[in-house]
Amino acid sequence: MRAWPHGTIDDDIALAATHGSHLSAQDATANEAGLDYRVAMASDATGRTYT
């Protein structure tokens, strides 16, 4: 199986921060149901959720 370029949820959160999205890793989850994608769900400091 191919390794993801950003392997952990913390890496995903850090990548989002480089694009101006400051999300919390505390309640973040990842869904890898697809063969060629991963979806991360997290919220910011105000509680707004992002996918």
PDB file of N, CA and C in Angstrom:
ATOM      1  N   MET A   1       0.834  -1.175   0.000  1.00  0.00           N
ATOM      2  CA  MET A   1       0.000   0.000   0.000  1.00  0.00           C
ATOM      3  C   MET A   1       0.885   1.247   0.000  1.00  0.00           C
ATOM      4  N   ARG A   2       0.492   2.256  -0.728  1.00  0.00           N
ATOM      5  CA  ARG A   2       1.247   3.497  -0.839  1.00  0.00           C
ATOM      6  C   ARG A   2       1.176   4.294   0.462  1.00  0.00           C
ATOM      7  N   ALA A   3       2.305   4.805   0.911  1.00  0.00           N
ATOM      8  CA  ALA A   3       2.337   5.635   2.117  1.00  0.00           C
ATOM      9  C   ALA A   3       1.801   7.028   1.799  1.00  0.00           C
ATOM     10  N   TRP A   4       1.026   7.565   2.718  1.00  0.00           N
ATOM     11  CA  TRP A   4       0.524   8.930   2.554  1.00  0.00           C
ATOM     12  C   TRP A   4       1.669   9.906   2.724  1.00  0.00           C
ATOM     13  N   PRO A   5       1.673  10.990   1.964  1.00  0.00           N
ATOM     14  CA  PRO A   5       2.755  11.968   2.116  1.00  0.00           C
ATOM     15  C   PRO A   5       2.745  12.636   3.486  1.00  0.00           C
ATOM     16  N   HIS A   6       1.593  12.692   4.121  1.00  0.00           N
ATOM     17  CA  HIS A   6       1.460  13.276   5.463  1.00  0.00           C
ATOM     18  C   HIS A   6       0.793  12.209   6.314  1.00  0.00           C
ATOM     19  N   GLY A   7       1.620  11.386   6.976  1.00  0.00           N
ATOM     20  CA  GLY A   7       1.185  10.142   7.559  1.00  0.00           C
ATOM     21  C   GLY A   7       0.261  10.168   8.755  1.00  0.00           C
ATOM     22  N   THR A   8       0.315  11.178   9.607  1.00  0.00           N
ATOM     23  CA  THR A   8      -0.505  11.164  10.808  1.00  0.00           C
ATOM     24  C   THR A   8      -1.519  12.298  10.780  1.00  0.00           C
ATOM     25  N   ILE A   9      -2.483  12.220  11.671  1.00  0.00           N
ATOM     26  CA  ILE A   9      -3.472  13.294  11.758  1.00  0.00           C
ATOM     27  C   ILE A   9      -2.784  14.601  12.167  1.00  0.00           C
ATOM     28  N   ASP A  10      -1.736  14.510  13.002  1.00  0.00           N
ATOM     29  CA  ASP A  10      -0.985  15.710  13.370  1.00  0.00           C
ATOM     30  C   ASP A  10      -0.319  16.335  12.148  1.00  0.00           C
ATOM     31  N   ASP A  11       0.162  15.497  11.229  1.00  0.00           N
ATOM     32  CA  ASP A  11       0.744  16.008   9.992  1.00  0.00           C
ATOM     33  C   ASP A  11      -0.323  16.705   9.146  1.00  0.00           C
ATOM     34  N   ASP A  12      -1.525  16.131   9.115  1.00  0.00           N
ATOM     35  CA  ASP A  12      -2.625  16.753   8.363  1.00  0.00           C
ATOM     36  C   ASP A  12      -2.987  18.113   8.944  1.00  0.00           C
ATOM     37  N   ILE A  13      -3.045  18.201  10.277  1.00  0.00           N
ATOM     38  CA  ILE A  13      -3.365  19.460  10.952  1.00  0.00           C
ATOM     39  C   ILE A  13      -2.277  20.495  10.664  1.00  0.00           C
ATOM     40  N   ALA A  14      -1.023  20.060  10.696  1.00  0.00           N
ATOM     41  CA  ALA A  14       0.086  20.973  10.391  1.00  0.00           C
ATOM     42  C   ALA A  14       0.017  21.455   8.948  1.00  0.00           C
ATOM     43  N   LEU A  15      -0.340  20.570   8.026  1.00  0.00           N
ATOM     44  CA  LEU A  15      -0.479  20.965   6.628  1.00  0.00           C
ATOM     45  C   LEU A  15      -1.602  21.980   6.471  1.00  0.00           C
ATOM     46  N   ALA A  16      -2.723  21.759   7.149  1.00  0.00           N
ATOM     47  CA  ALA A  16      -3.834  22.716   7.082  1.00  0.00           C
ATOM     48  C   ALA A  16      -3.396  24.086   7.597  1.00  0.00           C
ATOM     49  N   ALA A  17      -2.571  24.100   8.631  1.00  0.00           N
ATOM     50  CA  ALA A  17      -2.091  25.371   9.195  1.00  0.00           C
ATOM     51  C   ALA A  17      -1.257  26.149   8.188  1.00  0.00           C
ATOM     52  N   THR A  18      -0.517  25.456   7.324  1.00  0.00           N
ATOM     53  CA  THR A  18       0.283  26.160   6.320  1.00  0.00           C
ATOM     54  C   THR A  18      -0.610  26.854   5.293  1.00  0.00           C
ATOM     55  N   HIS A  19      -1.882  26.462   5.256  1.00  0.00           N
ATOM     56  CA  HIS A  19      -2.852  27.081   4.347  1.00  0.00           C
ATOM     57  C   HIS A  19      -3.820  28.004   5.084  1.00  0.00           C
ATOM     58  N   GLY A  20      -3.498  28.346   6.344  1.00  0.00           N
ATOM     59  CA  GLY A  20      -4.293  29.303   7.094  1.00  0.00           C
ATOM     60  C   GLY A  20      -5.421  28.720   7.929  1.00  0.00           C
ATOM     61  N   SER A  21      -5.578  27.407   7.963  1.00  0.00           N
ATOM     62  CA  SER A  21      -6.618  26.775   8.780  1.00  0.00           C
ATOM     63  C   SER A  21      -5.977  26.274  10.072  1.00  0.00           C
ATOM     64  N   HIS A  22      -6.356  26.861  11.195  1.00  0.00           N
ATOM     65  CA  HIS A  22      -5.770  26.497  12.483  1.00  0.00           C
ATOM     66  C   HIS A  22      -6.757  25.616  13.225  1.00  0.00           C
ATOM     67  N   LEU A  23      -6.558  24.309  13.067  1.00  0.00           N
ATOM     68  CA  LEU A  23      -7.477  23.310  13.590  1.00  0.00           C
ATOM     69  C   LEU A  23      -6.883  22.609  14.807  1.00  0.00           C
ATOM     70  N   SER A  24      -7.753  22.021  15.615  1.00  0.00           N
ATOM     71  CA  SER A  24      -7.331  21.296  16.802  1.00  0.00           C
ATOM     72  C   SER A  24      -7.170  19.817  16.478  1.00  0.00           C
ATOM     73  N   ALA A  25      -6.042  19.253  16.878  1.00  0.00           N
ATOM     74  CA  ALA A  25      -5.823  17.821  16.690  1.00  0.00           C
ATOM     75  C   ALA A  25      -6.511  17.009  17.783  1.00  0.00           C
ATOM     76  N   GLN A  26      -6.968  17.680  18.826  1.00  0.00           N
ATOM     77  CA  GLN A  26      -7.554  16.987  19.975  1.00  0.00           C
ATOM     78  C   GLN A  26      -8.758  16.122  19.599  1.00  0.00           C
ATOM     79  N   ASP A  27      -9.661  16.640  18.775  1.00  0.00           N
ATOM     80  CA  ASP A  27     -10.852  15.874  18.400  1.00  0.00           C
ATOM     81  C   ASP A  27     -10.850  15.475  16.926  1.00  0.00           C
ATOM     82  N   ALA A  28      -9.710  15.608  16.286  1.00  0.00           N
ATOM     83  CA  ALA A  28      -9.616  15.307  14.851  1.00  0.00           C
ATOM     84  C   ALA A  28      -9.674  13.805  14.602  1.00  0.00           C
ATOM     85  N   THR A  29     -10.321  13.456  13.499  1.00  0.00           N
ATOM     86  CA  THR A  29     -10.392  12.050  13.088  1.00  0.00           C
ATOM     87  C   THR A  29     -10.090  11.957  11.601  1.00  0.00           C
ATOM     88  N   ALA A  30      -9.706  10.772  11.176  1.00  0.00           N
ATOM     89  CA  ALA A  30      -9.437  10.541   9.756  1.00  0.00           C
ATOM     90  C   ALA A  30     -10.277   9.367   9.281  1.00  0.00           C
ATOM     91  N   ASN A  31     -10.748   9.464   8.050  1.00  0.00           N
ATOM     92  CA  ASN A  31     -11.520   8.394   7.420  1.00  0.00           C
ATOM     93  C   ASN A  31     -10.768   7.984   6.164  1.00  0.00           C
ATOM     94  N   GLU A  32     -10.335   6.752   6.127  1.00  0.00           N
ATOM     95  CA  GLU A  32      -9.589   6.235   4.979  1.00  0.00           C
ATOM     96  C   GLU A  32     -10.405   5.165   4.265  1.00  0.00           C
ATOM     97  N   ALA A  33     -11.698   5.407   4.086  1.00  0.00           N
ATOM     98  CA  ALA A  33     -12.591   4.428   3.472  1.00  0.00           C
ATOM     99  C   ALA A  33     -12.310   4.226   1.984  1.00  0.00           C
ATOM    100  N   GLY A  34     -11.767   5.225   1.337  1.00  0.00           N
ATOM    101  CA  GLY A  34     -11.480   5.113  -0.090  1.00  0.00           C
ATOM    102  C   GLY A  34     -10.120   4.495  -0.341  1.00  0.00           C
ATOM    103  N   LEU A  35      -9.919   4.026  -1.535  1.00  0.00           N
ATOM    104  CA  LEU A  35      -8.637   3.426  -1.884  1.00  0.00           C
ATOM    105  C   LEU A  35      -7.558   4.465  -2.153  1.00  0.00           C
ATOM    106  N   ASP A  36      -7.955   5.655  -2.577  1.00  0.00           N
ATOM    107  CA  ASP A  36      -6.961   6.636  -2.984  1.00  0.00           C
ATOM    108  C   ASP A  36      -7.149   8.010  -2.346  1.00  0.00           C
ATOM    109  N   TYR A  37      -7.805   8.064  -1.210  1.00  0.00           N
ATOM    110  CA  TYR A  37      -7.955   9.342  -0.525  1.00  0.00           C
ATOM    111  C   TYR A  37      -8.129   9.130   0.969  1.00  0.00           C
ATOM    112  N   ARG A  38      -7.902  10.205   1.718  1.00  0.00           N
ATOM    113  CA  ARG A  38      -8.156  10.220   3.155  1.00  0.00           C
ATOM    114  C   ARG A  38      -8.872  11.520   3.466  1.00  0.00           C
ATOM    115  N   VAL A  39      -9.890  11.453   4.290  1.00  0.00           N
ATOM    116  CA  VAL A  39     -10.644  12.631   4.700  1.00  0.00           C
ATOM    117  C   VAL A  39     -10.372  12.863   6.181  1.00  0.00           C
ATOM    118  N   ALA A  40      -9.982  14.078   6.530  1.00  0.00           N
ATOM    119  CA  ALA A  40      -9.774  14.437   7.929  1.00  0.00           C
ATOM    120  C   ALA A  40     -10.894  15.360   8.370  1.00  0.00           C
ATOM    121  N   MET A  41     -11.391  15.140   9.585  1.00  0.00           N
ATOM    122  CA  MET A  41     -12.413  15.988  10.175  1.00  0.00           C
ATOM    123  C   MET A  41     -11.845  16.570  11.465  1.00  0.00           C
ATOM    124  N   ALA A  42     -11.958  17.905  11.590  1.00  0.00           N
ATOM    125  CA  ALA A  42     -11.418  18.584  12.770  1.00  0.00           C
ATOM    126  C   ALA A  42     -12.184  19.876  12.983  1.00  0.00           C
ATOM    127  N   SER A  43     -11.967  20.492  14.138  1.00  0.00           N
ATOM    128  CA  SER A  43     -12.626  21.766  14.426  1.00  0.00           C
ATOM    129  C   SER A  43     -11.581  22.803  14.817  1.00  0.00           C
ATOM    130  N   ASP A  44     -11.989  24.069  14.709  1.00  0.00           N
ATOM    131  CA  ASP A  44     -11.091  25.155  15.098  1.00  0.00           C
ATOM    132  C   ASP A  44     -11.398  25.575  16.538  1.00  0.00           C
ATOM    133  N   ALA A  45     -10.746  26.639  17.008  1.00  0.00           N
ATOM    134  CA  ALA A  45     -10.891  27.094  18.394  1.00  0.00           C
ATOM    135  C   ALA A  45     -12.321  27.550  18.726  1.00  0.00           C
ATOM    136  N   THR A  46     -13.081  27.937  17.717  1.00  0.00           N
ATOM    137  CA  THR A  46     -14.468  28.370  17.958  1.00  0.00           C
ATOM    138  C   THR A  46     -15.461  27.223  17.944  1.00  0.00           C
ATOM    139  N   GLY A  47     -14.994  26.025  17.591  1.00  0.00           N
ATOM    140  CA  GLY A  47     -15.868  24.861  17.512  1.00  0.00           C
ATOM    141  C   GLY A  47     -16.421  24.582  16.134  1.00  0.00           C
ATOM    142  N   ARG A  48     -16.098  25.434  15.180  1.00  0.00           N
ATOM    143  CA  ARG A  48     -16.552  25.202  13.800  1.00  0.00           C
ATOM    144  C   ARG A  48     -15.838  23.991  13.240  1.00  0.00           C
ATOM    145  N   THR A  49     -16.596  23.070  12.647  1.00  0.00           N
ATOM    146  CA  THR A  49     -16.005  21.836  12.120  1.00  0.00           C
ATOM    147  C   THR A  49     -15.654  21.967  10.639  1.00  0.00           C
ATOM    148  N   TYR A  50     -14.604  21.263  10.262  1.00  0.00           N
ATOM    149  CA  TYR A  50     -14.121  21.255   8.888  1.00  0.00           C
ATOM    150  C   TYR A  50     -13.881  19.821   8.446  1.00  0.00           C
ATOM    151  N   THR A  51     -14.088  19.545   7.171  1.00  0.00           N
ATOM    152  CA  THR A  51     -13.787  18.249   6.585  1.00  0.00           C
ATOM    153  C   THR A  51     -12.772  18.438   5.492  1.00  0.00           C
TER     154      THR A  51
END
